Amino acid sequence: MAEKVRLKISSAVAAYVNPGVSGEEKLSGISRAATMSVVDQITLLSCLMRDADEVVRLAASAAFSALPFELLLEYAALPVPHPLLLDGIARVHYARPEIAAALLGCEALSSQARTFLERFNSVAGLTVDAGGTEQSCGTEEAAGSRCPDDDGSLSDASQVEGDDSELGVCEENEEYLSKYKMAQVMGIAEKIKMALTGDKEWRAILIKDANKLVSGGVIKNPRITEAEIITILRVGVQNDEIIRLICANKEWIKNYKIRKALVDNPKTPLPHALRYLATLGEKDVAGYAKSKNISSVLSTQAKRMLLNKKR
């Protein structure tokens, strides 16, 4: 069951998150958030991103995603930032190295968010030096305390009236983005960098990207193995650039299974396929001579090779 965490809010924020506040008023609060203090702005948007009204939730999420770079860094530099709000920033702005560094310098950041940021930036090849930008971020006992009731609803109005009151906010324990979901929101430059440096899981995802620079980057990744190349050729290739790069790698072409996979692949240029066919064993050539799954030119050539061997 979802739990709640205590989140101290000001009367300015309470006016838009109190029970009974209409969706129209909440949307008005989102539009006015930019005039609030750093803490109130981030707190308000974070609360409304969990609102039951989908329109309010989407509007708050859009506003949170557009928060200025400087404002996010200012919040991370506060003496006592709230873990819930830091986690929200991590979920939305994880791909911005300077913000990730500022968050990693905060002791209040949850272990889940910390692991996520370190993992993402490490795989992306981004330099995040939390030590060099470490802020004096402490933790606050009240900020991390659990609300006794955990039914997922907001606290009643009496709890959120006046300055420095507390709001019970449902903590949904949202999962951080998977690599597949990350790839869906990453820009081309980020994808290329990940393709060139990422692990096997990243390579399996990005080899399917429609952009030739991204999928081609996977083939250029120094960590890619010959077994992966064989799998890529067997399951299907998205574009001709991948085939060109594989054919250009002399070390890979020494591998019999790779040459055979290239002959099997319909995207392999015919001159290359014919050359590799000539290097295959008699059993495989005989199979191609009878095959209807390859180019008729290759099949005919395979038959000729068999006839020549019998003479």
Protein backbone atom coordinates (compact mmCIF):
# COMPACT_ATOMS: atom_id res chain seq x y z
CA MET A 1 0.00 0.00 0.00
CA ALA A 2 1.27 3.48 -0.84
CA GLU A 3 2.60 5.45 2.08
CA LYS A 4 2.63 9.14 2.77
CA VAL A 5 5.51 11.36 3.71
CA ARG A 6 5.28 14.61 5.61
CA LEU A 7 5.89 17.65 3.44
CA LYS A 8 5.94 21.08 5.04
CA ILE A 9 4.12 23.64 2.93
CA SER A 10 3.39 27.35 3.14
CA SER A 11 -0.05 28.96 3.08
CA ALA A 12 0.65 29.99 -0.54
CA VAL A 13 0.94 26.34 -1.55
CA ALA A 14 -1.87 25.16 0.73
CA ALA A 15 -4.29 27.50 -1.06
CA TYR A 16 -3.96 25.32 -4.16
CA VAL A 17 -3.71 21.84 -2.64
CA ASN A 18 -6.36 22.02 0.12
CA PRO A 19 -9.19 19.50 -0.22
CA GLY A 20 -12.06 21.11 -2.06
CA VAL A 21 -9.91 23.30 -4.31
CA SER A 22 -11.31 23.12 -7.83
CA GLY A 23 -9.33 21.96 -10.84
CA GLU A 24 -9.62 25.46 -12.31
CA GLU A 25 -8.04 26.98 -9.21
CA LYS A 26 -5.24 24.41 -9.29
CA LEU A 27 -4.52 25.25 -12.92
CA SER A 28 -4.45 28.90 -11.93
CA GLY A 29 -1.91 28.02 -9.25
CA ILE A 30 0.29 26.30 -11.82
CA SER A 31 0.27 29.42 -14.00
CA ARG A 32 1.17 31.58 -10.99
CA ALA A 33 3.88 29.24 -9.69
CA ALA A 34 6.63 31.24 -11.40
CA THR A 35 5.89 34.18 -9.10
CA MET A 36 6.43 32.08 -5.96
CA SER A 37 9.61 31.38 -4.04
CA VAL A 38 11.86 28.53 -5.18
CA VAL A 39 10.63 26.18 -2.46
CA ASP A 40 6.94 27.01 -2.98
CA GLN A 41 7.20 26.69 -6.75
CA ILE A 42 8.77 23.23 -6.64
CA THR A 43 6.53 22.08 -3.78
CA LEU A 44 3.33 23.17 -5.49
CA LEU A 45 4.15 21.56 -8.81
CA SER A 46 5.33 18.37 -7.11
CA CYS A 47 2.06 18.08 -5.19
CA LEU A 48 -0.10 18.78 -8.23
CA MET A 49 1.81 16.23 -10.32
CA ARG A 50 0.13 13.67 -8.03
CA ASP A 51 -3.33 15.22 -8.32
CA ALA A 52 -6.32 12.98 -9.07
CA ASP A 53 -7.37 15.28 -11.95
CA GLU A 54 -5.49 14.20 -15.09
CA VAL A 55 -5.60 17.68 -16.63
CA VAL A 56 -4.06 19.19 -13.50
CA ARG A 57 -1.51 16.40 -13.31
CA LEU A 58 -0.38 16.84 -16.92
CA ALA A 59 -0.22 20.64 -16.62
CA ALA A 60 1.87 20.40 -13.45
CA SER A 61 4.19 17.84 -15.04
CA ALA A 62 4.71 20.09 -18.07
CA ALA A 63 5.49 23.07 -15.84
CA PHE A 64 7.86 20.99 -13.71
CA SER A 65 9.72 19.80 -16.82
CA ALA A 66 10.16 23.42 -17.92
CA LEU A 67 11.56 24.68 -14.60
CA PRO A 68 14.59 26.95 -15.20
CA PHE A 69 18.05 25.43 -14.81
CA GLU A 70 19.07 28.04 -12.24
CA LEU A 71 15.99 27.47 -10.09
CA LEU A 72 16.66 23.73 -9.82
CA LEU A 73 20.28 24.32 -8.84
CA GLU A 74 19.15 26.89 -6.27
CA TYR A 75 16.80 24.37 -4.68
CA ALA A 76 19.47 21.65 -4.58
CA ALA A 77 21.80 24.10 -2.83
CA LEU A 78 19.38 24.74 0.06
CA PRO A 79 20.53 23.63 3.53
CA VAL A 80 17.52 21.32 3.98
CA PRO A 81 15.93 20.23 0.68
CA HIS A 82 13.12 17.70 0.95
CA PRO A 83 13.92 14.13 -0.24
CA LEU A 84 10.56 13.84 -2.01
CA LEU A 85 11.19 17.00 -4.02
CA LEU A 86 14.78 16.02 -4.80
CA ASP A 87 13.53 12.69 -6.11
CA GLY A 88 10.99 14.48 -8.29
CA ILE A 89 13.74 16.60 -9.82
CA ALA A 90 15.85 13.48 -10.39
CA ARG A 91 13.02 11.71 -12.20
CA VAL A 92 12.37 14.57 -14.60
CA HIS A 93 15.77 16.25 -15.04
CA TYR A 94 18.07 13.21 -14.75
CA ALA A 95 19.72 13.77 -18.16
CA ARG A 96 21.15 17.20 -17.26
CA PRO A 97 24.67 16.57 -15.87
CA GLU A 98 24.94 19.80 -13.84
CA ILE A 99 21.64 19.13 -12.09
CA ALA A 100 22.54 15.48 -11.52
CA ALA A 101 25.82 16.58 -9.95
CA ALA A 102 24.03 19.02 -7.64
CA LEU A 103 21.53 16.35 -6.59
CA LEU A 104 24.26 13.77 -5.96
CA GLY A 105 25.91 16.30 -3.65
CA CYS A 106 22.84 16.29 -1.40
CA GLU A 107 22.75 13.88 1.52
CA ALA A 108 18.94 14.11 1.52
CA LEU A 109 18.69 12.43 -1.89
CA SER A 110 17.16 8.96 -1.58
CA SER A 111 19.35 5.93 -2.24
CA GLN A 112 17.07 4.91 -5.14
CA ALA A 113 17.43 8.30 -6.85
CA ARG A 114 21.17 8.32 -6.19
CA THR A 115 21.65 4.87 -7.74
CA PHE A 116 19.53 5.87 -10.74
CA LEU A 117 21.47 9.10 -11.39
CA GLU A 118 24.86 7.43 -11.02
CA ARG A 119 23.85 4.59 -13.30
CA PHE A 120 22.36 6.78 -16.01
CA ASN A 121 25.23 9.26 -16.13
CA SER A 122 27.84 6.51 -16.01
CA VAL A 123 26.28 4.67 -18.95
CA ALA A 124 25.77 7.91 -20.84
CA GLY A 125 29.46 8.69 -20.46
CA LEU A 126 28.69 11.97 -18.74
CA THR A 127 31.03 13.37 -16.13
CA VAL A 128 29.21 13.96 -12.88
CA ASP A 129 31.53 15.07 -10.13
CA ALA A 130 29.34 15.32 -7.07
CA GLY A 131 32.38 15.95 -4.92
CA GLY A 132 33.33 19.02 -6.88
CA THR A 133 29.89 20.55 -6.61
CA GLU A 134 28.86 19.18 -3.27
CA GLN A 135 26.38 21.33 -1.46
CA SER A 136 25.87 21.51 2.27
CA CYS A 137 22.65 19.49 2.08
CA GLY A 138 21.37 18.08 5.31
CA THR A 139 18.39 15.97 6.19
CA GLU A 140 15.47 16.85 8.37
CA GLU A 141 13.80 14.33 10.64
CA ALA A 142 10.35 15.75 10.05
CA ALA A 143 10.85 15.68 6.30
CA GLY A 144 11.43 11.97 6.25
CA SER A 145 8.87 10.91 8.85
CA ARG A 146 6.01 8.69 7.79
CA CYS A 147 2.39 9.69 8.01
CA PRO A 148 0.39 7.20 10.12
CA ASP A 149 -2.51 7.07 7.66
CA ASP A 150 -1.62 5.59 4.30
CA ASP A 151 -4.87 5.54 2.37
CA GLY A 152 -3.35 7.64 -0.42
CA SER A 153 -5.49 10.73 0.16
CA LEU A 154 -4.32 14.20 1.09
CA SER A 155 -4.53 15.30 4.70
CA ASP A 156 -7.61 17.21 5.78
CA ALA A 157 -7.88 20.98 5.52
CA SER A 158 -7.01 21.58 9.14
CA GLN A 159 -3.58 20.12 8.51
CA VAL A 160 -2.72 22.42 5.63
CA GLU A 161 -3.89 25.81 6.76
CA GLY A 162 -1.41 28.52 7.66
CA ASP A 163 2.35 28.85 7.32
CA ASP A 164 4.73 25.94 7.81
CA SER A 165 1.99 23.32 8.01
CA GLU A 166 2.36 19.70 6.97
CA LEU A 167 0.77 17.87 4.09
CA GLY A 168 0.57 14.11 3.82
CA VAL A 169 1.64 13.39 0.24
CA CYS A 170 1.20 9.93 -1.20
CA GLU A 171 4.56 8.44 -2.11
CA GLU A 172 3.84 6.08 -4.98
CA ASN A 173 7.31 4.50 -5.03
CA GLU A 174 7.46 5.13 -8.78
CA GLU A 175 10.04 3.13 -10.64
CA TYR A 176 12.77 5.12 -12.29
CA LEU A 177 12.93 5.01 -16.05
CA SER A 178 14.07 1.78 -17.66
CA LYS A 179 16.72 2.00 -20.35
CA TYR A 180 14.05 1.49 -23.00
CA LYS A 181 12.02 4.41 -21.65
CA MET A 182 15.18 6.51 -21.37
CA ALA A 183 15.89 5.90 -25.04
CA GLN A 184 12.41 7.15 -25.93
CA VAL A 185 13.04 10.55 -24.35
CA MET A 186 16.73 10.99 -25.18
CA GLY A 187 17.89 13.35 -27.91
CA ILE A 188 19.88 12.16 -30.94
CA ALA A 189 23.19 13.37 -29.49
CA GLU A 190 22.57 11.49 -26.23
CA LYS A 191 21.59 8.34 -28.13
CA ILE A 192 24.74 8.47 -30.26
CA LYS A 193 26.91 8.86 -27.16
CA MET A 194 25.10 5.96 -25.50
CA ALA A 195 25.39 3.82 -28.63
CA LEU A 196 29.16 4.36 -28.71
CA THR A 197 29.73 3.69 -25.00
CA GLY A 198 26.72 1.79 -23.62
CA ASP A 199 26.53 -1.77 -22.34
CA LYS A 200 24.99 -4.80 -24.07
CA GLU A 201 21.46 -3.85 -23.03
CA TRP A 202 21.85 -0.34 -24.47
CA ARG A 203 23.31 -1.78 -27.68
CA ALA A 204 20.34 -4.14 -28.10
CA ILE A 205 17.95 -1.20 -27.77
CA LEU A 206 19.76 1.37 -29.90
CA ILE A 207 20.67 -0.96 -32.79
CA LYS A 208 16.96 -0.79 -33.68
CA ASP A 209 16.93 3.01 -33.82
CA ALA A 210 15.80 4.43 -37.15
CA ASN A 211 18.56 7.05 -37.13
CA LYS A 212 21.62 5.68 -38.96
CA LEU A 213 24.02 7.62 -36.77
CA VAL A 214 22.58 5.98 -33.66
CA SER A 215 22.41 2.39 -34.94
CA GLY A 216 25.77 2.85 -36.65
CA GLY A 217 27.21 4.03 -33.34
CA VAL A 218 26.34 0.65 -31.83
CA ILE A 219 28.45 -1.13 -34.47
CA LYS A 220 31.33 1.23 -33.64
CA ASN A 221 31.06 0.55 -29.91
CA PRO A 222 34.43 -1.00 -28.90
CA ARG A 223 32.67 -3.33 -26.45
CA ILE A 224 30.42 -5.02 -29.01
CA THR A 225 31.13 -8.73 -29.49
CA GLU A 226 31.10 -10.96 -32.54
CA ALA A 227 28.23 -12.92 -30.99
CA GLU A 228 26.19 -9.69 -30.92
CA ILE A 229 27.04 -9.02 -34.57
CA ILE A 230 25.76 -12.47 -35.52
CA THR A 231 22.55 -11.88 -33.57
CA ILE A 232 22.05 -8.47 -35.19
CA LEU A 233 22.41 -9.99 -38.66
CA ARG A 234 20.08 -12.88 -37.89
CA VAL A 235 17.23 -10.92 -36.27
CA GLY A 236 17.17 -8.22 -38.92
CA VAL A 237 19.00 -5.03 -39.76
CA GLN A 238 17.24 -1.66 -39.79
CA ASN A 239 19.42 0.06 -42.39
CA ASP A 240 22.18 -0.51 -44.93
CA GLU A 241 24.71 1.49 -42.89
CA ILE A 242 24.91 -1.33 -40.33
CA ILE A 243 25.74 -3.85 -43.07
CA ARG A 244 28.34 -1.52 -44.58
CA LEU A 245 30.11 -1.11 -41.24
CA ILE A 246 30.12 -4.84 -40.58
CA CYS A 247 31.50 -5.62 -44.03
CA ALA A 248 34.23 -3.02 -43.54
CA ASN A 249 35.51 -4.70 -40.36
CA LYS A 250 38.20 -7.15 -41.49
CA GLU A 251 38.38 -8.89 -38.11
CA TRP A 252 34.66 -9.70 -38.11
CA ILE A 253 34.76 -10.98 -41.69
CA LYS A 254 37.28 -13.61 -40.58
CA ASN A 255 34.46 -15.16 -38.55
CA TYR A 256 32.76 -17.92 -40.59
CA LYS A 257 29.38 -17.45 -38.85
CA ILE A 258 29.41 -13.73 -39.60
CA ARG A 259 30.15 -14.33 -43.29
CA LYS A 260 27.33 -16.88 -43.45
CA ALA A 261 24.94 -14.49 -41.67
CA LEU A 262 25.85 -11.81 -44.21
CA VAL A 263 25.03 -14.16 -47.08
CA ASP A 264 21.68 -14.92 -45.42
CA ASN A 265 20.87 -11.24 -44.89
CA PRO A 266 18.91 -9.71 -47.81
CA LYS A 267 20.38 -6.26 -47.12
CA THR A 268 23.95 -7.38 -47.79
CA PRO A 269 25.09 -5.88 -51.13
CA LEU A 270 25.20 -8.63 -53.78
CA PRO A 271 28.96 -8.26 -54.57
CA HIS A 272 29.76 -8.78 -50.87
CA ALA A 273 27.35 -11.69 -50.52
CA LEU A 274 28.84 -13.43 -53.57
CA ARG A 275 32.37 -12.98 -52.22
CA TYR A 276 31.42 -14.43 -48.80
CA LEU A 277 29.50 -17.29 -50.44
CA ALA A 278 32.71 -18.37 -52.17
CA THR A 279 34.39 -18.86 -48.77
CA LEU A 280 31.74 -21.12 -47.26
CA GLY A 281 31.89 -24.90 -46.86
CA GLU A 282 30.37 -27.32 -49.33
CA LYS A 283 27.49 -28.27 -47.03
CA ASP A 284 26.35 -24.65 -46.67
CA VAL A 285 26.81 -23.95 -50.38
CA ALA A 286 24.63 -26.99 -51.17
CA GLY A 287 21.99 -25.59 -48.87
CA TYR A 288 22.00 -22.27 -50.70
CA ALA A 289 21.78 -24.05 -54.06
CA LYS A 290 18.39 -25.45 -53.00
CA SER A 291 17.22 -22.42 -51.01
CA LYS A 292 14.33 -20.24 -52.08
CA ASN A 293 14.93 -17.77 -49.23
CA ILE A 294 17.90 -16.01 -50.83
CA SER A 295 18.49 -14.07 -54.02
CA SER A 296 18.21 -16.15 -57.19
CA VAL A 297 21.64 -14.82 -58.16
CA LEU A 298 23.16 -16.32 -54.99
CA SER A 299 21.30 -19.58 -55.46
CA THR A 300 22.47 -19.88 -59.07
CA GLN A 301 26.05 -19.09 -58.04
CA ALA A 302 25.88 -21.77 -55.34
CA LYS A 303 24.81 -24.33 -57.98
CA ARG A 304 27.70 -23.32 -60.23
CA MET A 305 30.15 -23.72 -57.35
CA LEU A 306 28.90 -27.25 -56.70
CA LEU A 307 29.19 -28.18 -60.40
CA ASN A 308 32.73 -26.84 -60.59
CA LYS A 309 33.75 -28.94 -57.60
CA LYS A 310 32.41 -32.11 -59.27
CA ARG A 311 34.46 -31.59 -62.42
